[in-house]
């Protein structure tokens, strides 16, 4: 049985913990996706890139953002009609 890889929206500690938990359960993670410029091209050996509309068709998207800061930007999710 082939298991579809998962995109994770977020690149902070919560997103990284989710990726590790998924991988520990044998679920592949495709990439970390963020709304702005990626903090790094790779995080924990996984690609990190800006969310694009085609990412939504390529793999399931799990949202793992735990930001309570006033400058957190979820505008791209709204633009993509999530």
Protein backbone atom coordinates (compact mmCIF):
# COMPACT_ATOMS: atom_id res chain seq x y z
CA UNK A 1 0.00 0.00 0.00
CA UNK A 2 1.34 3.41 -0.99
CA UNK A 3 0.96 6.16 1.59
CA UNK A 4 0.52 9.66 0.21
CA UNK A 5 3.08 12.18 1.53
CA UNK A 6 1.82 15.08 3.61
CA UNK A 7 2.64 18.78 3.31
CA UNK A 8 2.84 20.61 6.63
CA UNK A 9 1.88 24.29 6.76
CA UNK A 10 4.26 25.81 9.28
CA UNK A 11 7.95 25.54 10.03
CA UNK A 12 8.18 26.17 13.75
CA UNK A 13 8.58 23.83 16.68
CA UNK A 14 5.00 22.55 16.45
CA UNK A 15 5.35 21.77 12.73
CA UNK A 16 8.68 20.04 13.29
CA UNK A 17 7.23 17.94 16.11
CA UNK A 18 4.31 16.97 13.87
CA UNK A 19 6.70 15.92 11.09
CA UNK A 20 8.67 13.74 13.49
CA UNK A 21 5.49 12.16 14.86
CA UNK A 22 4.21 11.41 11.34
CA UNK A 23 7.54 9.92 10.30
CA UNK A 24 7.64 7.78 13.44
CA UNK A 25 4.28 6.36 12.35
CA UNK A 26 5.61 5.61 8.85
CA UNK A 27 3.86 8.57 7.19
CA UNK A 28 6.05 10.39 4.65
CA UNK A 29 6.29 14.17 4.85
CA UNK A 30 6.74 16.00 1.54
CA UNK A 31 7.73 19.46 2.80
CA UNK A 32 7.17 22.29 5.22
CA UNK A 33 5.18 25.09 3.57
CA UNK A 34 5.10 28.68 4.79
CA UNK A 35 3.22 31.82 3.78
CA UNK A 36 6.28 34.04 3.43
CA UNK A 37 9.92 33.52 2.66
CA UNK A 38 11.15 30.18 4.05
CA UNK A 39 13.43 30.55 7.07
CA UNK A 40 15.74 27.97 5.47
CA UNK A 41 15.66 25.81 2.30
CA UNK A 42 15.60 22.70 4.51
CA UNK A 43 14.46 22.00 8.05
CA UNK A 44 15.20 18.66 9.68
CA UNK A 45 16.25 17.26 6.26
CA UNK A 46 12.90 18.21 4.68
CA UNK A 47 12.35 20.92 2.06
CA UNK A 48 10.86 24.19 3.27
CA UNK A 49 9.26 26.49 0.72
CA UNK A 50 6.54 29.07 0.16
CA UNK A 51 3.04 27.60 -0.22
CA UNK A 52 1.80 27.60 -3.83
CA UNK A 53 -1.65 26.68 -5.15
CA UNK A 54 -0.28 23.55 -6.87
CA UNK A 55 0.91 22.24 -3.49
CA UNK A 56 -2.73 21.81 -2.52
CA UNK A 57 -3.23 19.36 -5.38
CA UNK A 58 0.04 17.50 -4.85
CA UNK A 59 -0.48 16.18 -1.32
CA UNK A 60 -2.72 16.59 1.73
CA UNK A 61 -2.00 19.74 3.75
CA UNK A 62 -1.88 19.55 7.54
CA UNK A 63 -1.84 22.91 9.29
CA UNK A 64 0.68 23.00 12.13
CA UNK A 65 0.94 26.67 12.98
CA UNK A 66 0.81 27.65 16.60
CA UNK A 67 1.47 31.36 16.24
CA UNK A 68 -0.11 33.81 18.57
CA UNK A 69 2.12 36.70 17.62
CA UNK A 70 0.56 39.89 16.31
CA UNK A 71 2.61 39.68 13.11
CA UNK A 72 1.61 36.12 12.15
CA UNK A 73 0.44 36.07 8.54
CA UNK A 74 -2.24 33.64 7.42
CA UNK A 75 -3.25 35.78 4.45
CA UNK A 76 -1.94 33.30 1.87
CA UNK A 77 -4.27 30.61 3.18
CA UNK A 78 -7.19 32.97 2.73
CA UNK A 79 -6.10 33.86 -0.82
CA UNK A 80 -5.94 30.15 -1.71
CA UNK A 81 -9.51 29.64 -0.42
CA UNK A 82 -8.64 27.09 2.24
